[in-house]
Amino acid sequence: IHIIEGDTGGARDMPERPFDYDALKAAYRQAGGKGAWMVNNGYDQHLAETAVKDGDDLVAFGKLYIANPDLVARLKQGGPFNAGNQKTWYGGGAEGYTDYPTL
């Protein structure tokens, strides 16, 4: 189950529309759900490690992965992380998609 917390591509916390993700996960498990629980939206290394420690099975990285094609290596060593340039994402060329520096 892939859960996007908050607004897709936006804020994780939505005080105007609060939602209890823990209750959703509990209801899924109580109903017999056995699939992996993947969380997503604005995760950095600290937040991802906390989520896994708290019982989430997987963390999906989107924006962080685009800017860091070697994200796994960067996570293992604690960074540094490239900042993404959203103005160039999904533009059809290499700029902002395949031109970020690797370690």
PDB file of N, CA and C in Angstrom:
ATOM      1  N   ILE A   1       0.860  -1.167   0.000  1.00  0.00           N
ATOM      2  CA  ILE A   1       0.000   0.000   0.000  1.00  0.00           C
ATOM      3  C   ILE A   1       0.906   1.229   0.000  1.00  0.00           C
ATOM      4  N   HIS A   2       0.720   2.103  -0.966  1.00  0.00           N
ATOM      5  CA  HIS A   2       1.528   3.322  -1.105  1.00  0.00           C
ATOM      6  C   HIS A   2       0.694   4.500  -0.614  1.00  0.00           C
ATOM      7  N   ILE A   3       1.118   5.086   0.493  1.00  0.00           N
ATOM      8  CA  ILE A   3       0.392   6.183   1.128  1.00  0.00           C
ATOM      9  C   ILE A   3       1.135   7.488   0.884  1.00  0.00           C
ATOM     10  N   ILE A   4       0.447   8.454   0.299  1.00  0.00           N
ATOM     11  CA  ILE A   4       1.020   9.790   0.133  1.00  0.00           C
ATOM     12  C   ILE A   4       0.451  10.660   1.238  1.00  0.00           C
ATOM     13  N   GLU A   5       1.317  11.106   2.123  1.00  0.00           N
ATOM     14  CA  GLU A   5       0.888  11.899   3.271  1.00  0.00           C
ATOM     15  C   GLU A   5       0.794  13.370   2.883  1.00  0.00           C
ATOM     16  N   GLY A   6      -0.349  13.955   3.109  1.00  0.00           N
ATOM     17  CA  GLY A   6      -0.536  15.357   2.772  1.00  0.00           C
ATOM     18  C   GLY A   6      -0.908  15.525   1.314  1.00  0.00           C
ATOM     19  N   ASP A   7      -0.692  16.725   0.801  1.00  0.00           N
ATOM     20  CA  ASP A   7      -0.996  17.029  -0.600  1.00  0.00           C
ATOM     21  C   ASP A   7       0.124  16.522  -1.496  1.00  0.00           C
ATOM     22  N   THR A   8      -0.217  15.853  -2.564  1.00  0.00           N
ATOM     23  CA  THR A   8       0.787  15.380  -3.511  1.00  0.00           C
ATOM     24  C   THR A   8       1.613  16.560  -4.005  1.00  0.00           C
ATOM     25  N   GLY A   9       2.905  16.472  -3.810  1.00  0.00           N
ATOM     26  CA  GLY A   9       3.797  17.549  -4.230  1.00  0.00           C
ATOM     27  C   GLY A   9       3.708  18.785  -3.363  1.00  0.00           C
ATOM     28  N   GLY A  10       2.977  18.698  -2.283  1.00  0.00           N
ATOM     29  CA  GLY A  10       2.802  19.862  -1.412  1.00  0.00           C
ATOM     30  C   GLY A  10       3.126  19.536   0.031  1.00  0.00           C
ATOM     31  N   ALA A  11       2.447  20.217   0.906  1.00  0.00           N
ATOM     32  CA  ALA A  11       2.715  20.098   2.341  1.00  0.00           C
ATOM     33  C   ALA A  11       2.335  18.719   2.871  1.00  0.00           C
ATOM     34  N   ARG A  12       3.139  18.237   3.815  1.00  0.00           N
ATOM     35  CA  ARG A  12       2.836  16.985   4.505  1.00  0.00           C
ATOM     36  C   ARG A  12       1.707  17.190   5.510  1.00  0.00           C
ATOM     37  N   ASP A  13       1.755  18.301   6.203  1.00  0.00           N
ATOM     38  CA  ASP A  13       0.756  18.603   7.231  1.00  0.00           C
ATOM     39  C   ASP A  13      -0.305  19.518   6.645  1.00  0.00           C
ATOM     40  N   MET A  14      -1.539  19.147   6.856  1.00  0.00           N
ATOM     41  CA  MET A  14      -2.650  19.947   6.337  1.00  0.00           C
ATOM     42  C   MET A  14      -3.621  20.239   7.483  1.00  0.00           C
ATOM     43  N   PRO A  15      -3.347  21.276   8.275  1.00  0.00           N
ATOM     44  CA  PRO A  15      -4.207  21.546   9.428  1.00  0.00           C
ATOM     45  C   PRO A  15      -5.664  21.800   9.049  1.00  0.00           C
ATOM     46  N   GLU A  16      -5.891  22.302   7.842  1.00  0.00           N
ATOM     47  CA  GLU A  16      -7.264  22.566   7.416  1.00  0.00           C
ATOM     48  C   GLU A  16      -8.003  21.275   7.041  1.00  0.00           C
ATOM     49  N   ARG A  17      -7.240  20.197   6.788  1.00  0.00           N
ATOM     50  CA  ARG A  17      -7.821  18.891   6.462  1.00  0.00           C
ATOM     51  C   ARG A  17      -7.032  17.796   7.175  1.00  0.00           C
ATOM     52  N   PRO A  18      -7.110  17.722   8.494  1.00  0.00           N
ATOM     53  CA  PRO A  18      -6.321  16.724   9.221  1.00  0.00           C
ATOM     54  C   PRO A  18      -6.743  15.298   8.856  1.00  0.00           C
ATOM     55  N   PHE A  19      -5.759  14.415   8.879  1.00  0.00           N
ATOM     56  CA  PHE A  19      -6.015  13.010   8.557  1.00  0.00           C
ATOM     57  C   PHE A  19      -5.143  12.152   9.454  1.00  0.00           C
ATOM     58  N   ASP A  20      -5.696  11.091   9.984  1.00  0.00           N
ATOM     59  CA  ASP A  20      -4.981  10.206  10.901  1.00  0.00           C
ATOM     60  C   ASP A  20      -4.441   9.000  10.128  1.00  0.00           C
ATOM     61  N   TYR A  21      -3.192   9.097   9.694  1.00  0.00           N
ATOM     62  CA  TYR A  21      -2.575   8.019   8.919  1.00  0.00           C
ATOM     63  C   TYR A  21      -2.337   6.780   9.769  1.00  0.00           C
ATOM     64  N   ASP A  22      -2.068   6.971  11.053  1.00  0.00           N
ATOM     65  CA  ASP A  22      -1.895   5.817  11.937  1.00  0.00           C
ATOM     66  C   ASP A  22      -3.196   5.022  12.042  1.00  0.00           C
ATOM     67  N   ALA A  23      -4.326   5.723  12.120  1.00  0.00           N
ATOM     68  CA  ALA A  23      -5.622   5.040  12.181  1.00  0.00           C
ATOM     69  C   ALA A  23      -5.900   4.292  10.876  1.00  0.00           C
ATOM     70  N   LEU A  24      -5.525   4.884   9.749  1.00  0.00           N
ATOM     71  CA  LEU A  24      -5.700   4.217   8.458  1.00  0.00           C
ATOM     72  C   LEU A  24      -4.888   2.929   8.412  1.00  0.00           C
ATOM     73  N   LYS A  25      -3.640   3.007   8.859  1.00  0.00           N
ATOM     74  CA  LYS A  25      -2.781   1.823   8.861  1.00  0.00           C
ATOM     75  C   LYS A  25      -3.343   0.756   9.795  1.00  0.00           C
ATOM     76  N   ALA A  26      -3.806   1.162  10.969  1.00  0.00           N
ATOM     77  CA  ALA A  26      -4.377   0.211  11.923  1.00  0.00           C
ATOM     78  C   ALA A  26      -5.625  -0.457  11.344  1.00  0.00           C
ATOM     79  N   ALA A  27      -6.479   0.307  10.686  1.00  0.00           N
ATOM     80  CA  ALA A  27      -7.695  -0.252  10.085  1.00  0.00           C
ATOM     81  C   ALA A  27      -7.341  -1.242   8.978  1.00  0.00           C
ATOM     82  N   TYR A  28      -6.326  -0.909   8.197  1.00  0.00           N
ATOM     83  CA  TYR A  28      -5.869  -1.806   7.132  1.00  0.00           C
ATOM     84  C   TYR A  28      -5.390  -3.130   7.725  1.00  0.00           C
ATOM     85  N   ARG A  29      -4.575  -3.054   8.749  1.00  0.00           N
ATOM     86  CA  ARG A  29      -4.056  -4.270   9.390  1.00  0.00           C
ATOM     87  C   ARG A  29      -5.191  -5.062  10.046  1.00  0.00           C
ATOM     88  N   GLN A  30      -6.105  -4.371  10.724  1.00  0.00           N
ATOM     89  CA  GLN A  30      -7.224  -5.050  11.385  1.00  0.00           C
ATOM     90  C   GLN A  30      -8.130  -5.747  10.376  1.00  0.00           C
ATOM     91  N   ALA A  31      -8.204  -5.222   9.171  1.00  0.00           N
ATOM     92  CA  ALA A  31      -9.023  -5.830   8.120  1.00  0.00           C
ATOM     93  C   ALA A  31      -8.305  -6.997   7.441  1.00  0.00           C
ATOM     94  N   GLY A  32      -7.099  -7.304   7.912  1.00  0.00           N
ATOM     95  CA  GLY A  32      -6.347  -8.421   7.358  1.00  0.00           C
ATOM     96  C   GLY A  32      -5.294  -8.037   6.345  1.00  0.00           C
ATOM     97  N   GLY A  33      -5.091  -6.743   6.145  1.00  0.00           N
ATOM     98  CA  GLY A  33      -4.082  -6.284   5.204  1.00  0.00           C
ATOM     99  C   GLY A  33      -2.690  -6.739   5.609  1.00  0.00           C
ATOM    100  N   LYS A  34      -1.987  -7.364   4.682  1.00  0.00           N
ATOM    101  CA  LYS A  34      -0.651  -7.886   4.978  1.00  0.00           C
ATOM    102  C   LYS A  34       0.417  -7.315   4.064  1.00  0.00           C
ATOM    103  N   GLY A  35       0.018  -6.463   3.134  1.00  0.00           N
ATOM    104  CA  GLY A  35       0.978  -5.891   2.201  1.00  0.00           C
ATOM    105  C   GLY A  35       1.902  -4.897   2.881  1.00  0.00           C
ATOM    106  N   ALA A  36       3.014  -4.642   2.222  1.00  0.00           N
ATOM    107  CA  ALA A  36       3.974  -3.658   2.748  1.00  0.00           C
ATOM    108  C   ALA A  36       3.326  -2.276   2.774  1.00  0.00           C
ATOM    109  N   TRP A  37       3.705  -1.471   3.753  1.00  0.00           N
ATOM    110  CA  TRP A  37       3.176  -0.119   3.952  1.00  0.00           C
ATOM    111  C   TRP A  37       4.258   0.873   3.541  1.00  0.00           C
ATOM    112  N   MET A  38       4.047   1.548   2.400  1.00  0.00           N
ATOM    113  CA  MET A  38       5.027   2.499   1.869  1.00  0.00           C
ATOM    114  C   MET A  38       4.502   3.922   2.052  1.00  0.00           C
ATOM    115  N   VAL A  39       5.336   4.766   2.654  1.00  0.00           N
ATOM    116  CA  VAL A  39       4.963   6.165   2.871  1.00  0.00           C
ATOM    117  C   VAL A  39       5.727   7.063   1.911  1.00  0.00           C
ATOM    118  N   ASN A  40       5.169   8.251   1.664  1.00  0.00           N
ATOM    119  CA  ASN A  40       5.742   9.147   0.670  1.00  0.00           C
ATOM    120  C   ASN A  40       5.283  10.568   0.947  1.00  0.00           C
ATOM    121  N   ASN A  41       6.117  11.510   0.635  1.00  0.00           N
ATOM    122  CA  ASN A  41       5.864  12.953   0.541  1.00  0.00           C
ATOM    123  C   ASN A  41       6.827  13.737   1.418  1.00  0.00           C
ATOM    124  N   GLY A  42       7.856  14.237   0.799  1.00  0.00           N
ATOM    125  CA  GLY A  42       8.765  15.153   1.476  1.00  0.00           C
ATOM    126  C   GLY A  42       9.722  14.515   2.465  1.00  0.00           C
ATOM    127  N   TYR A  43      10.026  13.262   2.285  1.00  0.00           N
ATOM    128  CA  TYR A  43      10.917  12.592   3.233  1.00  0.00           C
ATOM    129  C   TYR A  43      12.369  12.971   2.996  1.00  0.00           C
ATOM    130  N   ASP A  44      13.051  13.278   4.098  1.00  0.00           N
ATOM    131  CA  ASP A  44      14.500  13.410   4.086  1.00  0.00           C
ATOM    132  C   ASP A  44      15.043  12.195   4.839  1.00  0.00           C
ATOM    133  N   GLN A  45      16.340  12.136   5.031  1.00  0.00           N
ATOM    134  CA  GLN A  45      16.927  10.960   5.655  1.00  0.00           C
ATOM    135  C   GLN A  45      16.415  10.748   7.074  1.00  0.00           C
ATOM    136  N   HIS A  46      16.400  11.791   7.874  1.00  0.00           N
ATOM    137  CA  HIS A  46      15.969  11.653   9.271  1.00  0.00           C
ATOM    138  C   HIS A  46      14.513  11.192   9.356  1.00  0.00           C
ATOM    139  N   LEU A  47      13.651  11.826   8.600  1.00  0.00           N
ATOM    140  CA  LEU A  47      12.233  11.474   8.626  1.00  0.00           C
ATOM    141  C   LEU A  47      12.017  10.043   8.135  1.00  0.00           C
ATOM    142  N   ALA A  48      12.762   9.632   7.122  1.00  0.00           N
ATOM    143  CA  ALA A  48      12.644   8.268   6.597  1.00  0.00           C
ATOM    144  C   ALA A  48      13.098   7.238   7.628  1.00  0.00           C
ATOM    145  N   GLU A  49      14.221   7.494   8.266  1.00  0.00           N
ATOM    146  CA  GLU A  49      14.712   6.557   9.278  1.00  0.00           C
ATOM    147  C   GLU A  49      13.730   6.455  10.438  1.00  0.00           C
ATOM    148  N   THR A  50      13.138   7.571  10.826  1.00  0.00           N
ATOM    149  CA  THR A  50      12.146   7.572  11.902  1.00  0.00           C
ATOM    150  C   THR A  50      10.915   6.770  11.496  1.00  0.00           C
ATOM    151  N   ALA A  51      10.462   6.940  10.264  1.00  0.00           N
ATOM    152  CA  ALA A  51       9.283   6.216   9.784  1.00  0.00           C
ATOM    153  C   ALA A  51       9.510   4.708   9.824  1.00  0.00           C
ATOM    154  N   VAL A  52      10.679   4.266   9.390  1.00  0.00           N
ATOM    155  CA  VAL A  52      10.979   2.836   9.395  1.00  0.00           C
ATOM    156  C   VAL A  52      11.083   2.324  10.831  1.00  0.00           C
ATOM    157  N   LYS A  53      11.726   3.077  11.701  1.00  0.00           N
ATOM    158  CA  LYS A  53      11.814   2.679  13.112  1.00  0.00           C
ATOM    159  C   LYS A  53      10.429   2.585  13.748  1.00  0.00           C
ATOM    160  N   ASP A  54       9.505   3.438  13.286  1.00  0.00           N
ATOM    161  CA  ASP A  54       8.149   3.461  13.836  1.00  0.00           C
ATOM    162  C   ASP A  54       7.221   2.433  13.193  1.00  0.00           C
ATOM    163  N   GLY A  55       7.741   1.617  12.273  1.00  0.00           N
ATOM    164  CA  GLY A  55       6.960   0.511  11.743  1.00  0.00           C
ATOM    165  C   GLY A  55       6.544   0.580  10.287  1.00  0.00           C
ATOM    166  N   ASP A  56       6.873   1.647   9.582  1.00  0.00           N
ATOM    167  CA  ASP A  56       6.581   1.672   8.150  1.00  0.00           C
ATOM    168  C   ASP A  56       7.579   0.761   7.444  1.00  0.00           C
ATOM    169  N   ASP A  57       7.128   0.085   6.400  1.00  0.00           N
ATOM    170  CA  ASP A  57       7.979  -0.887   5.719  1.00  0.00           C
ATOM    171  C   ASP A  57       8.918  -0.255   4.701  1.00  0.00           C
ATOM    172  N   LEU A  58       8.435   0.753   3.997  1.00  0.00           N
ATOM    173  CA  LEU A  58       9.204   1.376   2.920  1.00  0.00           C
ATOM    174  C   LEU A  58       8.964   2.872   2.910  1.00  0.00           C
ATOM    175  N   VAL A  59       9.948   3.595   2.389  1.00  0.00           N
ATOM    176  CA  VAL A  59       9.799   5.033   2.172  1.00  0.00           C
ATOM    177  C   VAL A  59      10.105   5.298   0.707  1.00  0.00           C
ATOM    178  N   ALA A  60       9.190   5.966   0.024  1.00  0.00           N
ATOM    179  CA  ALA A  60       9.399   6.342  -1.375  1.00  0.00           C
ATOM    180  C   ALA A  60       9.991   7.745  -1.418  1.00  0.00           C
ATOM    181  N   PHE A  61      11.054   7.894  -2.166  1.00  0.00           N
ATOM    182  CA  PHE A  61      11.673   9.203  -2.369  1.00  0.00           C
ATOM    183  C   PHE A  61      11.387   9.628  -3.801  1.00  0.00           C
ATOM    184  N   GLY A  62      10.887  10.804  -3.990  1.00  0.00           N
ATOM    185  CA  GLY A  62      10.631  11.318  -5.329  1.00  0.00           C
ATOM    186  C   GLY A  62      11.597  12.428  -5.667  1.00  0.00           C
ATOM    187  N   LYS A  63      11.313  13.613  -5.166  1.00  0.00           N
ATOM    188  CA  LYS A  63      12.124  14.793  -5.479  1.00  0.00           C
ATOM    189  C   LYS A  63      13.582  14.596  -5.083  1.00  0.00           C
ATOM    190  N   LEU A  64      13.809  14.004  -3.916  1.00  0.00           N
ATOM    191  CA  LEU A  64      15.181  13.801  -3.455  1.00  0.00           C
ATOM    192  C   LEU A  64      15.938  12.870  -4.400  1.00  0.00           C
ATOM    193  N   TYR A  65      15.237  11.897  -4.976  1.00  0.00           N
ATOM    194  CA  TYR A  65      15.878  10.953  -5.888  1.00  0.00           C
ATOM    195  C   TYR A  65      16.213  11.600  -7.225  1.00  0.00           C
ATOM    196  N   ILE A  66      15.340  12.478  -7.715  1.00  0.00           N
ATOM    197  CA  ILE A  66      15.612  13.139  -8.994  1.00  0.00           C
ATOM    198  C   ILE A  66      16.935  13.894  -8.927  1.00  0.00           C
ATOM    199  N   ALA A  67      17.157  14.619  -7.841  1.00  0.00           N
ATOM    200  CA  ALA A  67      18.358  15.447  -7.708  1.00  0.00           C
ATOM    201  C   ALA A  67      19.579  14.658  -7.253  1.00  0.00           C
ATOM    202  N   ASN A  68      19.374  13.423  -6.836  1.00  0.00           N
ATOM    203  CA  ASN A  68      20.467  12.602  -6.311  1.00  0.00           C
ATOM    204  C   ASN A  68      20.370  11.202  -6.905  1.00  0.00           C
ATOM    205  N   PRO A  69      20.881  11.011  -8.127  1.00  0.00           N
ATOM    206  CA  PRO A  69      20.757   9.715  -8.783  1.00  0.00           C
ATOM    207  C   PRO A  69      21.457   8.590  -8.031  1.00  0.00           C
ATOM    208  N   ASP A  70      22.362   8.954  -7.156  1.00  0.00           N
ATOM    209  CA  ASP A  70      23.061   7.979  -6.319  1.00  0.00           C
ATOM    210  C   ASP A  70      22.551   8.083  -4.878  1.00  0.00           C
ATOM    211  N   LEU A  71      21.252   8.233  -4.728  1.00  0.00           N
ATOM    212  CA  LEU A  71      20.653   8.489  -3.416  1.00  0.00           C
ATOM    213  C   LEU A  71      21.018   7.431  -2.389  1.00  0.00           C
ATOM    214  N   VAL A  72      21.040   6.181  -2.775  1.00  0.00           N
ATOM    215  CA  VAL A  72      21.358   5.119  -1.817  1.00  0.00           C
ATOM    216  C   VAL A  72      22.735   5.347  -1.207  1.00  0.00           C
ATOM    217  N   ALA A  73      23.724   5.644  -2.022  1.00  0.00           N
ATOM    218  CA  ALA A  73      25.079   5.900  -1.511  1.00  0.00           C
ATOM    219  C   ALA A  73      25.089   7.130  -0.606  1.00  0.00           C
ATOM    220  N   ARG A  74      24.371   8.161  -0.986  1.00  0.00           N
ATOM    221  CA  ARG A  74      24.323   9.379  -0.176  1.00  0.00           C
ATOM    222  C   ARG A  74      23.644   9.120   1.164  1.00  0.00           C
ATOM    223  N   LEU A  75      22.583   8.332   1.168  1.00  0.00           N
ATOM    224  CA  LEU A  75      21.919   7.997   2.426  1.00  0.00           C
ATOM    225  C   LEU A  75      22.851   7.199   3.331  1.00  0.00           C
ATOM    226  N   LYS A  76      23.594   6.271   2.749  1.00  0.00           N
ATOM    227  CA  LYS A  76      24.508   5.448   3.547  1.00  0.00           C
ATOM    228  C   LYS A  76      25.568   6.281   4.239  1.00  0.00           C
ATOM    229  N   GLN A  77      26.023   7.347   3.585  1.00  0.00           N
ATOM    230  CA  GLN A  77      27.076   8.165   4.196  1.00  0.00           C
ATOM    231  C   GLN A  77      26.527   9.446   4.828  1.00  0.00           C
ATOM    232  N   GLY A  78      25.212   9.610   4.830  1.00  0.00           N
ATOM    233  CA  GLY A  78      24.621  10.785   5.464  1.00  0.00           C
ATOM    234  C   GLY A  78      24.727  12.060   4.652  1.00  0.00           C
ATOM    235  N   GLY A  79      24.776  11.944   3.333  1.00  0.00           N
ATOM    236  CA  GLY A  79      24.835  13.123   2.462  1.00  0.00           C
ATOM    237  C   GLY A  79      26.206  13.290   1.865  1.00  0.00           C
ATOM    238  N   PRO A  80      26.481  14.383   1.263  1.00  0.00           N
ATOM    239  CA  PRO A  80      25.636  15.558   1.040  1.00  0.00           C
ATOM    240  C   PRO A  80      24.604  15.277  -0.052  1.00  0.00           C
ATOM    241  N   PHE A  81      23.543  16.086  -0.063  1.00  0.00           N
ATOM    242  CA  PHE A  81      22.464  15.916  -1.020  1.00  0.00           C
ATOM    243  C   PHE A  81      22.389  17.121  -1.946  1.00  0.00           C
ATOM    244  N   ASN A  82      22.235  16.853  -3.237  1.00  0.00           N
ATOM    245  CA  ASN A  82      22.041  17.935  -4.203  1.00  0.00           C
ATOM    246  C   ASN A  82      20.660  18.546  -4.003  1.00  0.00           C
ATOM    247  N   ALA A  83      20.560  19.842  -4.185  1.00  0.00           N
ATOM    248  CA  ALA A  83      19.258  20.506  -4.196  1.00  0.00           C
ATOM    249  C   ALA A  83      18.668  20.362  -5.590  1.00  0.00           C
ATOM    250  N   GLY A  84      17.395  20.053  -5.665  1.00  0.00           N
ATOM    251  CA  GLY A  84      16.741  19.906  -6.958  1.00  0.00           C
ATOM    252  C   GLY A  84      16.304  21.246  -7.527  1.00  0.00           C
ATOM    253  N   ASN A  85      16.237  21.307  -8.835  1.00  0.00           N
ATOM    254  CA  ASN A  85      15.754  22.500  -9.523  1.00  0.00           C
ATOM    255  C   ASN A  85      14.433  22.139 -10.202  1.00  0.00           C
ATOM    256  N   GLN A  86      13.317  22.408  -9.529  1.00  0.00           N
ATOM    257  CA  GLN A  86      12.006  22.006 -10.034  1.00  0.00           C
ATOM    258  C   GLN A  86      11.659  22.629 -11.380  1.00  0.00           C
ATOM    259  N   LYS A  87      12.260  23.739 -11.711  1.00  0.00           N
ATOM    260  CA  LYS A  87      11.964  24.394 -12.989  1.00  0.00           C
ATOM    261  C   LYS A  87      12.404  23.544 -14.176  1.00  0.00           C
ATOM    262  N   THR A  88      13.332  22.617 -13.941  1.00  0.00           N
ATOM    263  CA  THR A  88      13.849  21.807 -15.046  1.00  0.00           C
ATOM    264  C   THR A  88      13.312  20.374 -15.042  1.00  0.00           C
ATOM    265  N   TRP A  89      12.547  19.997 -14.045  1.00  0.00           N
ATOM    266  CA  TRP A  89      12.064  18.616 -13.974  1.00  0.00           C
ATOM    267  C   TRP A  89      11.027  18.342 -15.047  1.00  0.00           C
ATOM    268  N   TYR A  90      11.082  17.156 -15.575  1.00  0.00           N
ATOM    269  CA  TYR A  90      10.105  16.655 -16.534  1.00  0.00           C
ATOM    270  C   TYR A  90      10.020  17.525 -17.780  1.00  0.00           C
ATOM    271  N   GLY A  91      11.141  18.107 -18.140  1.00  0.00           N
ATOM    272  CA  GLY A  91      11.145  18.996 -19.293  1.00  0.00           C
ATOM    273  C   GLY A  91      11.475  18.331 -20.611  1.00  0.00           C
ATOM    274  N   GLY A  92      11.804  17.055 -20.598  1.00  0.00           N
ATOM    275  CA  GLY A  92      12.061  16.353 -21.839  1.00  0.00           C
ATOM    276  C   GLY A  92      13.526  16.220 -22.208  1.00  0.00           C
ATOM    277  N   GLY A  93      14.414  16.927 -21.524  1.00  0.00           N
ATOM    278  CA  GLY A  93      15.834  16.830 -21.831  1.00  0.00           C
ATOM    279  C   GLY A  93      16.632  16.376 -20.623  1.00  0.00           C
ATOM    280  N   ALA A  94      17.951  16.401 -20.768  1.00  0.00           N
ATOM    281  CA  ALA A  94      18.828  15.957 -19.690  1.00  0.00           C
ATOM    282  C   ALA A  94      18.896  16.964 -18.544  1.00  0.00           C
ATOM    283  N   GLU A  95      18.751  18.253 -18.856  1.00  0.00           N
ATOM    284  CA  GLU A  95      18.885  19.272 -17.816  1.00  0.00           C
ATOM    285  C   GLU A  95      17.818  19.078 -16.741  1.00  0.00           C
ATOM    286  N   GLY A  96      18.300  18.922 -15.511  1.00  0.00           N
ATOM    287  CA  GLY A  96      17.401  18.748 -14.386  1.00  0.00           C
ATOM    288  C   GLY A  96      16.867  17.340 -14.225  1.00  0.00           C
ATOM    289  N   TYR A  97      17.328  16.447 -15.075  1.00  0.00           N
ATOM    290  CA  TYR A  97      16.861  15.069 -14.993  1.00  0.00           C
ATOM    291  C   TYR A  97      18.025  14.094 -14.870  1.00  0.00           C
ATOM    292  N   THR A  98      19.008  14.221 -15.745  1.00  0.00           N
ATOM    293  CA  THR A  98      20.149  13.298 -15.696  1.00  0.00           C
ATOM    294  C   THR A  98      21.478  14.018 -15.528  1.00  0.00           C
ATOM    295  N   ASP A  99      21.455  15.297 -15.220  1.00  0.00           N
ATOM    296  CA  ASP A  99      22.716  16.042 -15.152  1.00  0.00           C
ATOM    297  C   ASP A  99      23.153  16.400 -13.734  1.00  0.00           C
ATOM    298  N   TYR A 100      22.504  15.851 -12.720  1.00  0.00           N
ATOM    299  CA  TYR A 100      22.939  16.132 -11.348  1.00  0.00           C
ATOM    300  C   TYR A 100      24.237  15.391 -11.056  1.00  0.00           C
ATOM    301  N   PRO A 101      25.155  16.029 -10.328  1.00  0.00           N
ATOM    302  CA  PRO A 101      26.434  15.377 -10.031  1.00  0.00           C
ATOM    303  C   PRO A 101      26.275  14.208  -9.060  1.00  0.00           C
ATOM    304  N   THR A 102      27.092  13.193  -9.281  1.00  0.00           N
ATOM    305  CA  THR A 102      27.128  12.046  -8.377  1.00  0.00           C
ATOM    306  C   THR A 102      28.338  12.192  -7.467  1.00  0.00           C
ATOM    307  N   LEU A 103      28.399  11.331  -6.470  1.00  0.00           N
ATOM    308  CA  LEU A 103      29.530  11.375  -5.530  1.00  0.00           C
ATOM    309  C   LEU A 103      30.827  11.018  -6.233  1.00  0.00           C
TER     310      LEU A 103
END
